[in-house]
Amino acid sequence: MLVADTSIHTYHELRREGALAPMQQAVLIAIRLNPGRTDRELAALAGQTDPNAVRPRRTELYQRGAIEPAGRRRCTVTGRTAETWRVAGRSIQGELGL
């Protein structure tokens, strides 16, 4: 997966400072390994039925600039149109070392 150098720097800075809690790290890794998934799909991948198991950490990661919207599509869990997510700067060269 390709990400901007600034995203790599931000991730390592947050991790070094202890600013990424374990659940935030888990959600970030899940999004990195499964880009373009909805909150419900990410929750299902984690064995959860409630998207609120993922959504608060996803919101925090978005506010920090670690992830970004990847477009809207029909969710495979709900059948409704929903936002999907990816690691920020994914299309720009550079690799995030998780």
PDB file of N, CA and C in Angstrom:
ATOM      1  N   MET A   1       0.854  -1.172   0.000  1.00  0.00           N
ATOM      2  CA  MET A   1       0.000   0.000   0.000  1.00  0.00           C
ATOM      3  C   MET A   1       0.895   1.229   0.000  1.00  0.00           C
ATOM      4  N   LEU A   2       0.528   2.205  -0.767  1.00  0.00           N
ATOM      5  CA  LEU A   2       1.325   3.412  -0.898  1.00  0.00           C
ATOM      6  C   LEU A   2       0.672   4.559  -0.152  1.00  0.00           C
ATOM      7  N   VAL A   3       1.491   5.322   0.582  1.00  0.00           N
ATOM      8  CA  VAL A   3       0.989   6.475   1.330  1.00  0.00           C
ATOM      9  C   VAL A   3       1.976   7.623   1.238  1.00  0.00           C
ATOM     10  N   ALA A   4       1.502   8.809   1.537  1.00  0.00           N
ATOM     11  CA  ALA A   4       2.353  10.002   1.512  1.00  0.00           C
ATOM     12  C   ALA A   4       3.385   9.941   2.626  1.00  0.00           C
ATOM     13  N   ASP A   5       4.564  10.519   2.348  1.00  0.00           N
ATOM     14  CA  ASP A   5       5.605  10.579   3.369  1.00  0.00           C
ATOM     15  C   ASP A   5       5.100  11.257   4.633  1.00  0.00           C
ATOM     16  N   THR A   6       4.237  12.264   4.474  1.00  0.00           N
ATOM     17  CA  THR A   6       3.709  12.956   5.655  1.00  0.00           C
ATOM     18  C   THR A   6       2.836  12.025   6.487  1.00  0.00           C
ATOM     19  N   SER A   7       2.084  11.119   5.854  1.00  0.00           N
ATOM     20  CA  SER A   7       1.267  10.155   6.584  1.00  0.00           C
ATOM     21  C   SER A   7       2.140   9.177   7.354  1.00  0.00           C
ATOM     22  N   ILE A   8       3.230   8.750   6.731  1.00  0.00           N
ATOM     23  CA  ILE A   8       4.168   7.846   7.400  1.00  0.00           C
ATOM     24  C   ILE A   8       4.752   8.536   8.625  1.00  0.00           C
ATOM     25  N   HIS A   9       5.185   9.759   8.433  1.00  0.00           N
ATOM     26  CA  HIS A   9       5.768  10.534   9.530  1.00  0.00           C
ATOM     27  C   HIS A   9       4.761  10.712  10.662  1.00  0.00           C
ATOM     28  N   THR A  10       3.527  11.079  10.331  1.00  0.00           N
ATOM     29  CA  THR A  10       2.485  11.286  11.333  1.00  0.00           C
ATOM     30  C   THR A  10       2.227  10.005  12.115  1.00  0.00           C
ATOM     31  N   TYR A  11       2.106   8.879  11.407  1.00  0.00           N
ATOM     32  CA  TYR A  11       1.861   7.601  12.078  1.00  0.00           C
ATOM     33  C   TYR A  11       2.973   7.289  13.075  1.00  0.00           C
ATOM     34  N   HIS A  12       4.230   7.368  12.634  1.00  0.00           N
ATOM     35  CA  HIS A  12       5.344   7.032  13.521  1.00  0.00           C
ATOM     36  C   HIS A  12       5.451   8.011  14.684  1.00  0.00           C
ATOM     37  N   GLU A  13       5.153   9.268  14.438  1.00  0.00           N
ATOM     38  CA  GLU A  13       5.165  10.268  15.501  1.00  0.00           C
ATOM     39  C   GLU A  13       4.099   9.953  16.549  1.00  0.00           C
ATOM     40  N   LEU A  14       2.891   9.649  16.105  1.00  0.00           N
ATOM     41  CA  LEU A  14       1.811   9.310  17.029  1.00  0.00           C
ATOM     42  C   LEU A  14       2.136   8.048  17.812  1.00  0.00           C
ATOM     43  N   ARG A  15       2.688   7.070  17.130  1.00  0.00           N
ATOM     44  CA  ARG A  15       3.021   5.812  17.795  1.00  0.00           C
ATOM     45  C   ARG A  15       4.131   6.024  18.823  1.00  0.00           C
ATOM     46  N   ARG A  16       5.158   6.795  18.458  1.00  0.00           N
ATOM     47  CA  ARG A  16       6.280   7.083  19.355  1.00  0.00           C
ATOM     48  C   ARG A  16       5.805   7.809  20.611  1.00  0.00           C
ATOM     49  N   GLU A  17       4.879   8.737  20.431  1.00  0.00           N
ATOM     50  CA  GLU A  17       4.356   9.517  21.551  1.00  0.00           C
ATOM     51  C   GLU A  17       3.346   8.730  22.377  1.00  0.00           C
ATOM     52  N   GLY A  18       2.996   7.539  21.916  1.00  0.00           N
ATOM     53  CA  GLY A  18       1.986   6.761  22.611  1.00  0.00           C
ATOM     54  C   GLY A  18       0.594   7.302  22.367  1.00  0.00           C
ATOM     55  N   ALA A  19       0.457   8.129  21.339  1.00  0.00           N
ATOM     56  CA  ALA A  19      -0.832   8.759  21.068  1.00  0.00           C
ATOM     57  C   ALA A  19      -1.825   7.809  20.414  1.00  0.00           C
ATOM     58  N   LEU A  20      -1.347   6.728  19.803  1.00  0.00           N
ATOM     59  CA  LEU A  20      -2.248   5.741  19.231  1.00  0.00           C
ATOM     60  C   LEU A  20      -2.470   4.638  20.258  1.00  0.00           C
ATOM     61  N   ALA A  21      -3.669   4.592  20.777  1.00  0.00           N
ATOM     62  CA  ALA A  21      -4.035   3.551  21.733  1.00  0.00           C
ATOM     63  C   ALA A  21      -4.111   2.217  20.993  1.00  0.00           C
ATOM     64  N   PRO A  22      -4.060   1.096  21.713  1.00  0.00           N
ATOM     65  CA  PRO A  22      -4.101  -0.212  21.061  1.00  0.00           C
ATOM     66  C   PRO A  22      -5.296  -0.403  20.119  1.00  0.00           C
ATOM     67  N   MET A  23      -6.468   0.062  20.506  1.00  0.00           N
ATOM     68  CA  MET A  23      -7.631  -0.118  19.633  1.00  0.00           C
ATOM     69  C   MET A  23      -7.515   0.753  18.382  1.00  0.00           C
ATOM     70  N   GLN A  24      -6.946   1.954  18.509  1.00  0.00           N
ATOM     71  CA  GLN A  24      -6.716   2.796  17.337  1.00  0.00           C
ATOM     72  C   GLN A  24      -5.738   2.104  16.388  1.00  0.00           C
ATOM     73  N   GLN A  25      -4.684   1.522  16.945  1.00  0.00           N
ATOM     74  CA  GLN A  25      -3.725   0.800  16.119  1.00  0.00           C
ATOM     75  C   GLN A  25      -4.400  -0.356  15.404  1.00  0.00           C
ATOM     76  N   ALA A  26      -5.250  -1.087  16.118  1.00  0.00           N
ATOM     77  CA  ALA A  26      -5.947  -2.232  15.529  1.00  0.00           C
ATOM     78  C   ALA A  26      -6.856  -1.793  14.380  1.00  0.00           C
ATOM     79  N   VAL A  27      -7.568  -0.690  14.567  1.00  0.00           N
ATOM     80  CA  VAL A  27      -8.465  -0.182  13.513  1.00  0.00           C
ATOM     81  C   VAL A  27      -7.647   0.328  12.336  1.00  0.00           C
ATOM     82  N   LEU A  28      -6.538   1.019  12.595  1.00  0.00           N
ATOM     83  CA  LEU A  28      -5.685   1.512  11.523  1.00  0.00           C
ATOM     84  C   LEU A  28      -5.129   0.346  10.699  1.00  0.00           C
ATOM     85  N   ILE A  29      -4.693  -0.693  11.357  1.00  0.00           N
ATOM     86  CA  ILE A  29      -4.174  -1.863  10.659  1.00  0.00           C
ATOM     87  C   ILE A  29      -5.282  -2.534   9.850  1.00  0.00           C
ATOM     88  N   ALA A  30      -6.486  -2.637  10.438  1.00  0.00           N
ATOM     89  CA  ALA A  30      -7.617  -3.240   9.721  1.00  0.00           C
ATOM     90  C   ALA A  30      -7.944  -2.456   8.461  1.00  0.00           C
ATOM     91  N   ILE A  31      -7.906  -1.130   8.541  1.00  0.00           N
ATOM     92  CA  ILE A  31      -8.190  -0.294   7.368  1.00  0.00           C
ATOM     93  C   ILE A  31      -7.061  -0.429   6.347  1.00  0.00           C
ATOM     94  N   ARG A  32      -5.842  -0.486   6.824  1.00  0.00           N
ATOM     95  CA  ARG A  32      -4.705  -0.642   5.909  1.00  0.00           C
ATOM     96  C   ARG A  32      -4.797  -1.961   5.152  1.00  0.00           C
ATOM     97  N   LEU A  33      -5.165  -3.031   5.840  1.00  0.00           N
ATOM     98  CA  LEU A  33      -5.253  -4.351   5.209  1.00  0.00           C
ATOM     99  C   LEU A  33      -6.538  -4.554   4.417  1.00  0.00           C
ATOM    100  N   ASN A  34      -7.549  -3.730   4.701  1.00  0.00           N
ATOM    101  CA  ASN A  34      -8.863  -3.862   4.058  1.00  0.00           C
ATOM    102  C   ASN A  34      -9.376  -2.505   3.604  1.00  0.00           C
ATOM    103  N   PRO A  35      -8.648  -1.826   2.727  1.00  0.00           N
ATOM    104  CA  PRO A  35      -9.093  -0.497   2.302  1.00  0.00           C
ATOM    105  C   PRO A  35     -10.423  -0.576   1.558  1.00  0.00           C
ATOM    106  N   GLY A  36     -11.181   0.517   1.656  1.00  0.00           N
ATOM    107  CA  GLY A  36     -12.449   0.573   0.939  1.00  0.00           C
ATOM    108  C   GLY A  36     -13.575  -0.165   1.630  1.00  0.00           C
ATOM    109  N   ARG A  37     -13.463  -0.380   2.937  1.00  0.00           N
ATOM    110  CA  ARG A  37     -14.514  -1.050   3.714  1.00  0.00           C
ATOM    111  C   ARG A  37     -15.306  -0.032   4.517  1.00  0.00           C
ATOM    112  N   THR A  38     -16.566  -0.363   4.774  1.00  0.00           N
ATOM    113  CA  THR A  38     -17.428   0.485   5.598  1.00  0.00           C
ATOM    114  C   THR A  38     -17.192   0.167   7.073  1.00  0.00           C
ATOM    115  N   ASP A  39     -17.745   1.000   7.961  1.00  0.00           N
ATOM    116  CA  ASP A  39     -17.635   0.732   9.397  1.00  0.00           C
ATOM    117  C   ASP A  39     -18.218  -0.637   9.746  1.00  0.00           C
ATOM    118  N   ARG A  40     -19.363  -0.962   9.182  1.00  0.00           N
ATOM    119  CA  ARG A  40     -20.005  -2.265   9.465  1.00  0.00           C
ATOM    120  C   ARG A  40     -19.151  -3.417   8.961  1.00  0.00           C
ATOM    121  N   GLU A  41     -18.552  -3.257   7.798  1.00  0.00           N
ATOM    122  CA  GLU A  41     -17.700  -4.315   7.269  1.00  0.00           C
ATOM    123  C   GLU A  41     -16.444  -4.479   8.121  1.00  0.00           C
ATOM    124  N   LEU A  42     -15.863  -3.357   8.556  1.00  0.00           N
ATOM    125  CA  LEU A  42     -14.696  -3.426   9.435  1.00  0.00           C
ATOM    126  C   LEU A  42     -15.045  -4.103  10.756  1.00  0.00           C
ATOM    127  N   ALA A  43     -16.210  -3.770  11.303  1.00  0.00           N
ATOM    128  CA  ALA A  43     -16.650  -4.404  12.544  1.00  0.00           C
ATOM    129  C   ALA A  43     -16.828  -5.908  12.339  1.00  0.00           C
ATOM    130  N   ALA A  44     -17.450  -6.291  11.228  1.00  0.00           N
ATOM    131  CA  ALA A  44     -17.662  -7.716  10.940  1.00  0.00           C
ATOM    132  C   ALA A  44     -16.334  -8.451  10.812  1.00  0.00           C
ATOM    133  N   LEU A  45     -15.346  -7.821  10.182  1.00  0.00           N
ATOM    134  CA  LEU A  45     -14.021  -8.427  10.066  1.00  0.00           C
ATOM    135  C   LEU A  45     -13.385  -8.658  11.435  1.00  0.00           C
ATOM    136  N   ALA A  46     -13.738  -7.786  12.381  1.00  0.00           N
ATOM    137  CA  ALA A  46     -13.211  -7.901  13.744  1.00  0.00           C
ATOM    138  C   ALA A  46     -14.069  -8.818  14.614  1.00  0.00           C
ATOM    139  N   GLY A  47     -15.094  -9.440  14.007  1.00  0.00           N
ATOM    140  CA  GLY A  47     -15.959 -10.340  14.764  1.00  0.00           C
ATOM    141  C   GLY A  47     -16.993  -9.624  15.610  1.00  0.00           C
ATOM    142  N   GLN A  48     -17.276  -8.368  15.292  1.00  0.00           N
ATOM    143  CA  GLN A  48     -18.236  -7.566  16.048  1.00  0.00           C
ATOM    144  C   GLN A  48     -19.514  -7.386  15.229  1.00  0.00           C
ATOM    145  N   THR A  49     -20.647  -7.301  15.904  1.00  0.00           N
ATOM    146  CA  THR A  49     -21.901  -7.025  15.202  1.00  0.00           C
ATOM    147  C   THR A  49     -22.261  -5.549  15.269  1.00  0.00           C
ATOM    148  N   ASP A  50     -21.637  -4.829  16.175  1.00  0.00           N
ATOM    149  CA  ASP A  50     -21.941  -3.414  16.376  1.00  0.00           C
ATOM    150  C   ASP A  50     -20.838  -2.545  15.783  1.00  0.00           C
ATOM    151  N   PRO A  51     -21.162  -1.673  14.817  1.00  0.00           N
ATOM    152  CA  PRO A  51     -20.125  -0.818  14.233  1.00  0.00           C
ATOM    153  C   PRO A  51     -19.527   0.153  15.241  1.00  0.00           C
ATOM    154  N   ASN A  52     -20.192   0.353  16.372  1.00  0.00           N
ATOM    155  CA  ASN A  52     -19.642   1.233  17.406  1.00  0.00           C
ATOM    156  C   ASN A  52     -18.408   0.635  18.067  1.00  0.00           C
ATOM    157  N   ALA A  53     -18.098  -0.613  17.749  1.00  0.00           N
ATOM    158  CA  ALA A  53     -16.844  -1.209  18.209  1.00  0.00           C
ATOM    159  C   ALA A  53     -15.672  -0.618  17.434  1.00  0.00           C
ATOM    160  N   VAL A  54     -15.946  -0.076  16.238  1.00  0.00           N
ATOM    161  CA  VAL A  54     -14.917   0.463  15.355  1.00  0.00           C
ATOM    162  C   VAL A  54     -15.036   1.965  15.183  1.00  0.00           C
ATOM    163  N   ARG A  55     -16.257   2.443  15.059  1.00  0.00           N
ATOM    164  CA  ARG A  55     -16.519   3.829  14.649  1.00  0.00           C
ATOM    165  C   ARG A  55     -15.813   4.896  15.496  1.00  0.00           C
ATOM    166  N   PRO A  56     -15.816   4.822  16.828  1.00  0.00           N
ATOM    167  CA  PRO A  56     -15.147   5.892  17.596  1.00  0.00           C
ATOM    168  C   PRO A  56     -13.645   5.987  17.291  1.00  0.00           C
ATOM    169  N   ARG A  57     -12.978   4.833  17.166  1.00  0.00           N
ATOM    170  CA  ARG A  57     -11.545   4.850  16.855  1.00  0.00           C
ATOM    171  C   ARG A  57     -11.321   5.311  15.419  1.00  0.00           C
ATOM    172  N   ARG A  58     -12.204   4.919  14.500  1.00  0.00           N
ATOM    173  CA  ARG A  58     -12.097   5.366  13.113  1.00  0.00           C
ATOM    174  C   ARG A  58     -12.260   6.875  13.038  1.00  0.00           C
ATOM    175  N   THR A  59     -13.195   7.423  13.796  1.00  0.00           N
ATOM    176  CA  THR A  59     -13.402   8.877  13.826  1.00  0.00           C
ATOM    177  C   THR A  59     -12.154   9.581  14.343  1.00  0.00           C
ATOM    178  N   GLU A  60     -11.547   9.059  15.392  1.00  0.00           N
ATOM    179  CA  GLU A  60     -10.322   9.657  15.937  1.00  0.00           C
ATOM    180  C   GLU A  60      -9.188   9.625  14.913  1.00  0.00           C
ATOM    181  N   LEU A  61      -9.042   8.505  14.221  1.00  0.00           N
ATOM    182  CA  LEU A  61      -8.003   8.382  13.203  1.00  0.00           C
ATOM    183  C   LEU A  61      -8.237   9.365  12.059  1.00  0.00           C
ATOM    184  N   TYR A  62      -9.500   9.546  11.685  1.00  0.00           N
ATOM    185  CA  TYR A  62      -9.841  10.509  10.632  1.00  0.00           C
ATOM    186  C   TYR A  62      -9.503  11.930  11.085  1.00  0.00           C
ATOM    187  N   GLN A  63      -9.849  12.269  12.314  1.00  0.00           N
ATOM    188  CA  GLN A  63      -9.572  13.608  12.829  1.00  0.00           C
ATOM    189  C   GLN A  63      -8.071  13.887  12.918  1.00  0.00           C
ATOM    190  N   ARG A  64      -7.274  12.866  13.108  1.00  0.00           N
ATOM    191  CA  ARG A  64      -5.811  13.015  13.168  1.00  0.00           C
ATOM    192  C   ARG A  64      -5.169  13.021  11.785  1.00  0.00           C
ATOM    193  N   GLY A  65      -5.953  12.717  10.753  1.00  0.00           N
ATOM    194  CA  GLY A  65      -5.422  12.702   9.398  1.00  0.00           C
ATOM    195  C   GLY A  65      -4.752  11.400   9.000  1.00  0.00           C
ATOM    196  N   ALA A  66      -4.913  10.351   9.800  1.00  0.00           N
ATOM    197  CA  ALA A  66      -4.289   9.060   9.492  1.00  0.00           C
ATOM    198  C   ALA A  66      -5.054   8.291   8.424  1.00  0.00           C
ATOM    199  N   ILE A  67      -6.363   8.514   8.328  1.00  0.00           N
ATOM    200  CA  ILE A  67      -7.183   7.853   7.320  1.00  0.00           C
ATOM    201  C   ILE A  67      -8.028   8.897   6.612  1.00  0.00           C
ATOM    202  N   GLU A  68      -8.616   8.497   5.478  1.00  0.00           N
ATOM    203  CA  GLU A  68      -9.445   9.412   4.707  1.00  0.00           C
ATOM    204  C   GLU A  68     -10.583   8.631   4.047  1.00  0.00           C
ATOM    205  N   PRO A  69     -11.647   9.328   3.664  1.00  0.00           N
ATOM    206  CA  PRO A  69     -12.738   8.656   2.956  1.00  0.00           C
ATOM    207  C   PRO A  69     -12.230   8.087   1.630  1.00  0.00           C
ATOM    208  N   ALA A  70     -12.745   6.919   1.278  1.00  0.00           N
ATOM    209  CA  ALA A  70     -12.334   6.258   0.036  1.00  0.00           C
ATOM    210  C   ALA A  70     -13.496   6.165  -0.944  1.00  0.00           C
ATOM    211  N   GLY A  71     -14.584   6.876  -0.649  1.00  0.00           N
ATOM    212  CA  GLY A  71     -15.747   6.838  -1.532  1.00  0.00           C
ATOM    213  C   GLY A  71     -16.924   6.136  -0.880  1.00  0.00           C
ATOM    214  N   ARG A  72     -18.058   6.272  -1.527  1.00  0.00           N
ATOM    215  CA  ARG A  72     -19.276   5.661  -1.000  1.00  0.00           C
ATOM    216  C   ARG A  72     -19.694   4.519  -1.917  1.00  0.00           C
ATOM    217  N   ARG A  73     -20.224   3.455  -1.310  1.00  0.00           N
ATOM    218  CA  ARG A  73     -20.738   2.318  -2.059  1.00  0.00           C
ATOM    219  C   ARG A  73     -21.711   1.539  -1.176  1.00  0.00           C
ATOM    220  N   ARG A  74     -22.352   0.562  -1.771  1.00  0.00           N
ATOM    221  CA  ARG A  74     -23.301  -0.268  -1.030  1.00  0.00           C
ATOM    222  C   ARG A  74     -22.546  -1.187  -0.074  1.00  0.00           C
ATOM    223  N   CYS A  75     -22.885  -1.117   1.206  1.00  0.00           N
ATOM    224  CA  CYS A  75     -22.272  -1.949   2.245  1.00  0.00           C
ATOM    225  C   CYS A  75     -22.752  -3.394   2.075  1.00  0.00           C
ATOM    226  N   THR A  76     -21.832  -4.336   2.155  1.00  0.00           N
ATOM    227  CA  THR A  76     -22.200  -5.742   2.015  1.00  0.00           C
ATOM    228  C   THR A  76     -22.922  -6.287   3.245  1.00  0.00           C
ATOM    229  N   VAL A  77     -22.851  -5.575   4.362  1.00  0.00           N
ATOM    230  CA  VAL A  77     -23.520  -6.012   5.589  1.00  0.00           C
ATOM    231  C   VAL A  77     -24.953  -5.488   5.640  1.00  0.00           C
ATOM    232  N   THR A  78     -25.134  -4.190   5.366  1.00  0.00           N
ATOM    233  CA  THR A  78     -26.459  -3.566   5.511  1.00  0.00           C
ATOM    234  C   THR A  78     -27.214  -3.427   4.199  1.00  0.00           C
ATOM    235  N   GLY A  79     -26.495  -3.424   3.096  1.00  0.00           N
ATOM    236  CA  GLY A  79     -27.125  -3.185   1.804  1.00  0.00           C
ATOM    237  C   GLY A  79     -27.388  -1.710   1.528  1.00  0.00           C
ATOM    238  N   ARG A  80     -26.990  -0.853   2.438  1.00  0.00           N
ATOM    239  CA  ARG A  80     -27.177   0.598   2.278  1.00  0.00           C
ATOM    240  C   ARG A  80     -25.878   1.252   1.809  1.00  0.00           C
ATOM    241  N   THR A  81     -26.024   2.414   1.188  1.00  0.00           N
ATOM    242  CA  THR A  81     -24.849   3.166   0.763  1.00  0.00           C
ATOM    243  C   THR A  81     -24.155   3.738   1.997  1.00  0.00           C
ATOM    244  N   ALA A  82     -22.835   3.563   2.048  1.00  0.00           N
ATOM    245  CA  ALA A  82     -22.064   4.033   3.207  1.00  0.00           C
ATOM    246  C   ALA A  82     -20.675   4.475   2.760  1.00  0.00           C
ATOM    247  N   GLU A  83     -20.055   5.303   3.582  1.00  0.00           N
ATOM    248  CA  GLU A  83     -18.688   5.772   3.343  1.00  0.00           C
ATOM    249  C   GLU A  83     -17.717   4.628   3.584  1.00  0.00           C
ATOM    250  N   THR A  84     -16.659   4.579   2.780  1.00  0.00           N
ATOM    251  CA  THR A  84     -15.593   3.615   2.986  1.00  0.00           C
ATOM    252  C   THR A  84     -14.320   4.375   3.352  1.00  0.00           C
ATOM    253  N   TRP A  85     -13.305   3.660   3.849  1.00  0.00           N
ATOM    254  CA  TRP A  85     -12.114   4.298   4.404  1.00  0.00           C
ATOM    255  C   TRP A  85     -10.837   3.657   3.897  1.00  0.00           C
ATOM    256  N   ARG A  86      -9.764   4.472   3.867  1.00  0.00           N
ATOM    257  CA  ARG A  86      -8.433   4.001   3.500  1.00  0.00           C
ATOM    258  C   ARG A  86      -7.403   4.815   4.268  1.00  0.00           C
ATOM    259  N   VAL A  87      -6.174   4.327   4.297  1.00  0.00           N
ATOM    260  CA  VAL A  87      -5.080   5.063   4.925  1.00  0.00           C
ATOM    261  C   VAL A  87      -4.866   6.337   4.119  1.00  0.00           C
ATOM    262  N   ALA A  88      -4.650   7.446   4.769  1.00  0.00           N
ATOM    263  CA  ALA A  88      -4.495   8.748   4.107  1.00  0.00           C
ATOM    264  C   ALA A  88      -3.313   8.742   3.155  1.00  0.00           C
ATOM    265  N   GLY A  89      -3.514   9.381   2.009  1.00  0.00           N
ATOM    266  CA  GLY A  89      -2.445   9.508   1.036  1.00  0.00           C
ATOM    267  C   GLY A  89      -2.086   8.223   0.331  1.00  0.00           C
ATOM    268  N   ARG A  90      -2.966   7.252   0.349  1.00  0.00           N
ATOM    269  CA  ARG A  90      -2.710   5.912  -0.177  1.00  0.00           C
ATOM    270  C   ARG A  90      -2.184   5.900  -1.601  1.00  0.00           C
ATOM    271  N   SER A  91      -2.610   6.824  -2.417  1.00  0.00           N
ATOM    272  CA  SER A  91      -2.217   6.789  -3.824  1.00  0.00           C
ATOM    273  C   SER A  91      -0.876   7.472  -4.090  1.00  0.00           C
ATOM    274  N   ILE A  92      -0.262   8.037  -3.068  1.00  0.00           N
ATOM    275  CA  ILE A  92       1.009   8.735  -3.233  1.00  0.00           C
ATOM    276  C   ILE A  92       2.143   7.801  -2.809  1.00  0.00           C
ATOM    277  N   GLN A  93       3.290   7.899  -3.466  1.00  0.00           N
ATOM    278  CA  GLN A  93       4.379   6.984  -3.221  1.00  0.00           C
ATOM    279  C   GLN A  93       4.942   7.080  -1.805  1.00  0.00           C
ATOM    280  N   GLY A  94       5.364   5.940  -1.276  1.00  0.00           N
ATOM    281  CA  GLY A  94       5.896   5.818   0.074  1.00  0.00           C
ATOM    282  C   GLY A  94       5.169   4.680   0.767  1.00  0.00           C
ATOM    283  N   GLU A  95       5.811   3.975   1.666  1.00  0.00           N
ATOM    284  CA  GLU A  95       5.156   2.845   2.305  1.00  0.00           C
ATOM    285  C   GLU A  95       5.067   3.053   3.807  1.00  0.00           C
ATOM    286  N   LEU A  96       3.902   2.715   4.370  1.00  0.00           N
ATOM    287  CA  LEU A  96       3.681   2.818   5.801  1.00  0.00           C
ATOM    288  C   LEU A  96       4.173   1.547   6.455  1.00  0.00           C
ATOM    289  N   GLY A  97       5.148   1.657   7.327  1.00  0.00           N
ATOM    290  CA  GLY A  97       5.718   0.477   7.973  1.00  0.00           C
ATOM    291  C   GLY A  97       4.986   0.117   9.246  1.00  0.00           C
ATOM    292  N   LEU A  98       3.884  -0.595   9.135  1.00  0.00           N
ATOM    293  CA  LEU A  98       3.151  -1.055  10.319  1.00  0.00           C
ATOM    294  C   LEU A  98       3.702  -2.360  10.783  1.00  0.00           C
TER     295      LEU A  98
END
